[in-house]
Amino acid sequence: MFKEALETLLKLSRAGAEFVEKDSRIYSVVNDGSSKGQIALVKPPLPESIPICTLQGVKDLISLWGEDKVKTELFILVDDYETVKLVGIQTDKCEQRRVVAIATCVQTQIFKFGEYLGAEDFSIQLQSRFAPTDDRETVQLVVSQLTSNTVATSMDDGFSQEVVLKQGPALKKQATLKPRVTLAPYRTFREIDQPVSEFILRVKQFEANDPPKVALFEADGGRWKIDAMKSIAEFFDDGAVEVIS
């Protein structure tokens, strides 16, 4: 930290800056060029944050800190659905607040929403990138039984789809796809239940007699992110430290 602060002061000096102290703070004053007379607070660098990849890791760090001490010195900030910060309550003389630790969710590959996939690829991604739900099993069953026959859009609302499903070596049947399905993709920390949201399920046949392709389109307007942040906050709802989300 001292080296970084010294390098900052040297750069300012080369730029023609002078330094003044007021109220225990150091300010730089530029005396040449287009920035002449400009005053800026010289802020000392803060300690580096501890990188963490799980919510439990944040809890463990709080335990090491000491619960009595942590209540007066730190709070938890749920920054978003994949980032949690352990932040100092007090600021330094430059009004900087220390971020003690940052927990970042280790993301696996995200499902390719809005992209039509072959039935096998879709099925693999559905099983590996979504938490189990009733609709996941239903969609999995339908996709595994699709045939290469034409996919028709029903005439009643222009949205529901009729597809041909295999029933045996020679038997087939018509089925109407459920237009909206409730699924839980892996999108946040694994220690909490994955947020459930609605998706639009579509099947499309690009060329006659070609195998149909399947796609999922997000349909909740991003509400799942708010639900995820709420669940993360509840994970820390044990009174050990204040949680802000």
Protein backbone atom coordinates (compact mmCIF):
# COMPACT_ATOMS: atom_id res chain seq x y z
CA MET A 1 0.00 0.00 0.00
CA PHE A 2 2.85 2.40 0.83
CA LYS A 3 4.47 1.74 -2.56
CA GLU A 4 1.20 2.47 -4.39
CA ALA A 5 0.67 5.69 -2.44
CA LEU A 6 4.23 6.81 -3.17
CA GLU A 7 3.84 6.11 -6.90
CA THR A 8 0.63 8.18 -6.95
CA LEU A 9 2.37 11.13 -5.30
CA LEU A 10 5.31 10.92 -7.72
CA LYS A 11 2.99 10.95 -10.75
CA LEU A 12 1.20 14.01 -9.41
CA SER A 13 4.52 15.74 -8.74
CA ARG A 14 5.68 15.15 -12.31
CA ALA A 15 2.40 16.68 -13.51
CA GLY A 16 3.29 19.90 -11.71
CA ALA A 17 1.18 19.32 -8.61
CA GLU A 18 1.84 20.69 -5.16
CA PHE A 19 0.41 19.28 -1.96
CA VAL A 20 -1.45 20.93 0.87
CA GLU A 21 -2.79 19.47 4.11
CA LYS A 22 -6.09 20.41 5.62
CA ASP A 23 -8.10 18.65 8.35
CA SER A 24 -5.58 15.76 8.35
CA ARG A 25 -6.15 15.24 4.63
CA ILE A 26 -3.70 15.74 1.77
CA TYR A 27 -4.79 17.56 -1.39
CA SER A 28 -2.97 17.95 -4.69
CA VAL A 29 -2.98 21.31 -6.48
CA VAL A 30 -2.06 21.26 -10.19
CA ASN A 31 -0.11 24.39 -11.22
CA ASP A 32 0.37 24.02 -14.98
CA GLY A 33 -1.45 23.04 -18.16
CA SER A 34 -5.19 23.07 -18.71
CA SER A 35 -5.80 21.69 -15.21
CA LYS A 36 -4.06 24.57 -13.42
CA GLY A 37 -5.58 25.29 -10.04
CA GLN A 38 -7.48 21.99 -9.89
CA ILE A 39 -7.62 20.53 -6.39
CA ALA A 40 -8.09 16.82 -5.67
CA LEU A 41 -8.06 14.75 -2.52
CA VAL A 42 -5.18 12.26 -2.42
CA LYS A 43 -6.73 9.04 -1.14
CA PRO A 44 -4.56 6.30 0.38
CA PRO A 45 -5.08 2.83 -1.14
CA LEU A 46 -7.32 0.46 0.79
CA PRO A 47 -6.30 -3.08 1.79
CA GLU A 48 -7.15 -5.73 -0.80
CA SER A 49 -10.40 -7.63 -0.30
CA ILE A 50 -10.31 -11.32 0.59
CA PRO A 51 -11.70 -13.35 -2.36
CA ILE A 52 -14.32 -15.96 -1.42
CA CYS A 53 -16.45 -18.19 -3.65
CA THR A 54 -19.21 -19.37 -1.28
CA LEU A 55 -21.73 -17.86 1.12
CA GLN A 56 -20.54 -20.25 3.81
CA GLY A 57 -17.07 -18.77 3.41
CA VAL A 58 -18.49 -15.37 4.39
CA LYS A 59 -20.08 -16.92 7.47
CA ASP A 60 -16.81 -18.60 8.40
CA LEU A 61 -14.95 -15.29 8.12
CA ILE A 62 -17.52 -13.61 10.36
CA SER A 63 -16.98 -16.36 12.95
CA LEU A 64 -13.22 -15.80 12.84
CA TRP A 65 -13.76 -12.06 13.23
CA GLY A 66 -15.86 -12.63 16.36
CA GLU A 67 -19.61 -12.08 16.47
CA ASP A 68 -19.50 -9.40 19.18
CA LYS A 69 -16.90 -7.41 17.28
CA VAL A 70 -18.37 -7.89 13.82
CA LYS A 71 -21.73 -6.32 14.74
CA THR A 72 -20.06 -2.97 15.40
CA GLU A 73 -17.52 -3.10 12.56
CA LEU A 74 -18.98 -4.87 9.53
CA PHE A 75 -22.15 -5.39 7.51
CA ILE A 76 -23.06 -7.68 4.60
CA LEU A 77 -23.97 -6.09 1.27
CA VAL A 78 -25.81 -8.32 -1.22
CA ASP A 79 -24.52 -6.50 -4.30
CA ASP A 80 -26.37 -8.68 -6.81
CA TYR A 81 -27.38 -12.30 -7.39
CA GLU A 82 -23.75 -13.45 -7.72
CA THR A 83 -21.80 -11.01 -5.51
CA VAL A 84 -21.79 -10.54 -1.73
CA LYS A 85 -19.49 -8.13 0.09
CA LEU A 86 -18.40 -7.92 3.72
CA VAL A 87 -18.01 -4.18 4.24
CA GLY A 88 -16.64 -2.01 7.03
CA ILE A 89 -19.17 0.25 8.74
CA GLN A 90 -16.72 3.05 9.49
CA THR A 91 -15.01 5.11 6.79
CA ASP A 92 -11.45 6.42 6.90
CA LYS A 93 -10.54 10.11 6.95
CA CYS A 94 -11.01 10.22 3.15
CA GLU A 95 -14.52 8.78 3.51
CA GLN A 96 -13.48 5.47 1.97
CA ARG A 97 -15.15 2.32 3.24
CA ARG A 98 -13.11 -0.89 3.35
CA VAL A 99 -14.46 -4.00 1.61
CA VAL A 100 -13.06 -6.79 3.77
CA ALA A 101 -14.15 -9.70 1.54
CA ILE A 102 -15.97 -10.31 -1.72
CA ALA A 103 -17.82 -13.57 -2.36
CA THR A 104 -18.33 -14.24 -6.07
CA CYS A 105 -20.48 -17.12 -7.26
CA VAL A 106 -18.59 -19.73 -9.26
CA GLN A 107 -20.75 -19.98 -12.37
CA THR A 108 -21.05 -23.06 -14.49
CA GLN A 109 -22.01 -22.66 -18.13
CA ILE A 110 -25.34 -20.88 -18.50
CA PHE A 111 -28.12 -22.35 -20.64
CA LYS A 112 -28.36 -20.77 -24.11
CA PHE A 113 -31.69 -18.99 -23.74
CA GLY A 114 -33.32 -17.73 -26.94
CA GLU A 115 -31.32 -20.13 -29.11
CA TYR A 116 -32.83 -23.12 -30.92
CA LEU A 117 -30.97 -26.33 -30.06
CA GLY A 118 -31.15 -29.87 -31.33
CA ALA A 119 -33.17 -32.20 -29.11
CA GLU A 120 -30.12 -34.05 -27.75
CA ASP A 121 -28.14 -30.88 -26.97
CA PHE A 122 -31.22 -29.30 -25.41
CA SER A 123 -31.86 -32.39 -23.28
CA ILE A 124 -28.26 -32.50 -21.99
CA GLN A 125 -28.29 -28.81 -21.06
CA LEU A 126 -31.70 -29.15 -19.42
CA GLN A 127 -30.47 -31.95 -17.15
CA SER A 128 -27.09 -30.42 -16.31
CA ARG A 129 -27.90 -26.70 -15.98
CA PHE A 130 -31.29 -26.74 -14.23
CA ALA A 131 -32.30 -27.79 -10.73
CA PRO A 132 -35.01 -30.48 -10.62
CA THR A 133 -38.61 -29.25 -10.94
CA ASP A 134 -41.81 -30.92 -12.12
CA ASP A 135 -41.77 -28.93 -15.36
CA ARG A 136 -38.15 -29.88 -16.04
CA GLU A 137 -39.11 -33.53 -16.07
CA THR A 138 -42.16 -32.83 -18.26
CA VAL A 139 -40.13 -30.87 -20.82
CA GLN A 140 -37.45 -33.54 -20.79
CA LEU A 141 -40.01 -36.24 -21.57
CA VAL A 142 -41.60 -34.26 -24.42
CA VAL A 143 -38.28 -33.36 -26.04
CA SER A 144 -37.08 -36.97 -25.92
CA GLN A 145 -40.19 -38.05 -27.86
CA LEU A 146 -40.19 -35.46 -30.65
CA THR A 147 -40.27 -36.78 -34.21
CA SER A 148 -39.15 -35.20 -37.49
CA ASN A 149 -42.74 -34.60 -38.57
CA THR A 150 -43.89 -31.05 -39.10
CA VAL A 151 -44.41 -28.91 -36.02
CA ALA A 152 -47.71 -27.07 -36.34
CA THR A 153 -48.91 -23.92 -34.62
CA SER A 154 -52.50 -24.36 -33.49
CA MET A 155 -55.12 -22.04 -34.91
CA ASP A 156 -56.84 -21.16 -31.60
CA ASP A 157 -54.40 -18.59 -30.21
CA GLY A 158 -51.37 -18.63 -32.50
CA PHE A 159 -49.11 -19.39 -29.56
CA SER A 160 -49.66 -22.96 -28.36
CA GLN A 161 -47.91 -25.58 -30.48
CA GLU A 162 -48.89 -29.06 -31.55
CA VAL A 163 -46.10 -31.60 -32.00
CA VAL A 164 -45.88 -35.25 -32.98
CA LEU A 165 -44.53 -37.52 -30.24
CA LYS A 166 -43.25 -41.08 -30.50
CA GLN A 167 -45.20 -43.73 -28.58
CA GLY A 168 -43.49 -46.85 -29.83
CA PRO A 169 -41.78 -48.35 -32.90
CA ALA A 170 -44.71 -47.43 -35.14
CA LEU A 171 -47.17 -45.41 -33.08
CA LYS A 172 -47.25 -41.62 -32.85
CA LYS A 173 -49.58 -39.10 -31.26
CA GLN A 174 -50.37 -35.39 -31.46
CA ALA A 175 -49.66 -33.36 -28.32
CA THR A 176 -50.07 -29.69 -27.43
CA LEU A 177 -47.01 -28.14 -25.81
CA LYS A 178 -47.42 -26.25 -22.57
CA PRO A 179 -46.46 -22.73 -23.72
CA ARG A 180 -45.05 -21.55 -20.37
CA VAL A 181 -42.96 -23.71 -18.07
CA THR A 182 -41.56 -23.10 -14.59
CA LEU A 183 -37.86 -23.94 -14.32
CA ALA A 184 -34.91 -23.24 -12.01
CA PRO A 185 -31.62 -22.74 -13.89
CA TYR A 186 -28.38 -22.70 -11.90
CA ARG A 187 -27.75 -18.94 -11.79
CA THR A 188 -26.68 -18.05 -8.26
CA PHE A 189 -24.87 -19.47 -5.19
CA ARG A 190 -25.51 -23.19 -4.77
CA GLU A 191 -26.12 -22.89 -1.01
CA ILE A 192 -29.56 -21.40 -1.66
CA ASP A 193 -32.52 -22.75 -3.61
CA GLN A 194 -32.21 -21.67 -7.23
CA PRO A 195 -34.81 -19.01 -8.10
CA VAL A 196 -37.75 -20.39 -10.07
CA SER A 197 -39.06 -18.39 -13.02
CA GLU A 198 -41.23 -18.78 -16.11
CA PHE A 199 -39.93 -19.57 -19.59
CA ILE A 200 -41.60 -19.80 -22.98
CA LEU A 201 -41.02 -23.18 -24.61
CA ARG A 202 -40.92 -23.23 -28.41
CA VAL A 203 -40.26 -25.96 -30.97
CA LYS A 204 -39.32 -25.10 -34.55
CA GLN A 205 -38.64 -27.05 -37.73
CA PHE A 206 -36.41 -25.06 -40.07
CA GLU A 207 -36.58 -27.44 -43.07
CA ALA A 208 -39.14 -30.09 -44.05
CA ASN A 209 -38.30 -33.52 -42.58
CA ASP A 210 -35.43 -32.07 -40.53
CA PRO A 211 -35.37 -32.89 -36.80
CA PRO A 212 -37.16 -30.16 -34.83
CA LYS A 213 -35.19 -27.79 -32.60
CA VAL A 214 -36.19 -26.53 -29.18
CA ALA A 215 -35.67 -23.19 -27.43
CA LEU A 216 -36.44 -21.54 -24.10
CA PHE A 217 -37.10 -17.80 -23.81
CA GLU A 218 -36.96 -15.95 -20.48
CA ALA A 219 -40.38 -14.60 -19.52
CA ASP A 220 -40.13 -13.11 -16.02
CA GLY A 221 -38.50 -9.77 -16.85
CA GLY A 222 -35.51 -10.48 -14.59
CA ARG A 223 -37.60 -10.90 -11.43
CA TRP A 224 -35.51 -13.97 -10.58
CA LYS A 225 -32.55 -11.70 -9.74
CA ILE A 226 -34.55 -10.00 -6.99
CA ASP A 227 -35.70 -13.38 -5.67
CA ALA A 228 -32.10 -14.62 -5.63
CA MET A 229 -30.90 -11.57 -3.68
CA LYS A 230 -33.72 -12.05 -1.18
CA SER A 231 -32.74 -15.70 -0.66
CA ILE A 232 -29.08 -14.74 -0.19
CA ALA A 233 -30.07 -12.20 2.48
CA GLU A 234 -32.16 -14.87 4.23
CA PHE A 235 -29.11 -17.18 4.26
CA PHE A 236 -27.43 -14.69 6.61
CA ASP A 237 -30.57 -13.96 8.64
CA ASP A 238 -29.15 -15.23 11.93
CA GLY A 239 -28.57 -11.87 13.61
CA ALA A 240 -24.78 -12.20 13.55
CA VAL A 241 -24.37 -9.17 11.27
CA GLU A 242 -26.59 -6.60 9.54
CA VAL A 243 -27.55 -7.53 5.97
CA ILE A 244 -28.33 -4.99 3.25
CA SER A 245 -29.74 -6.04 -0.13
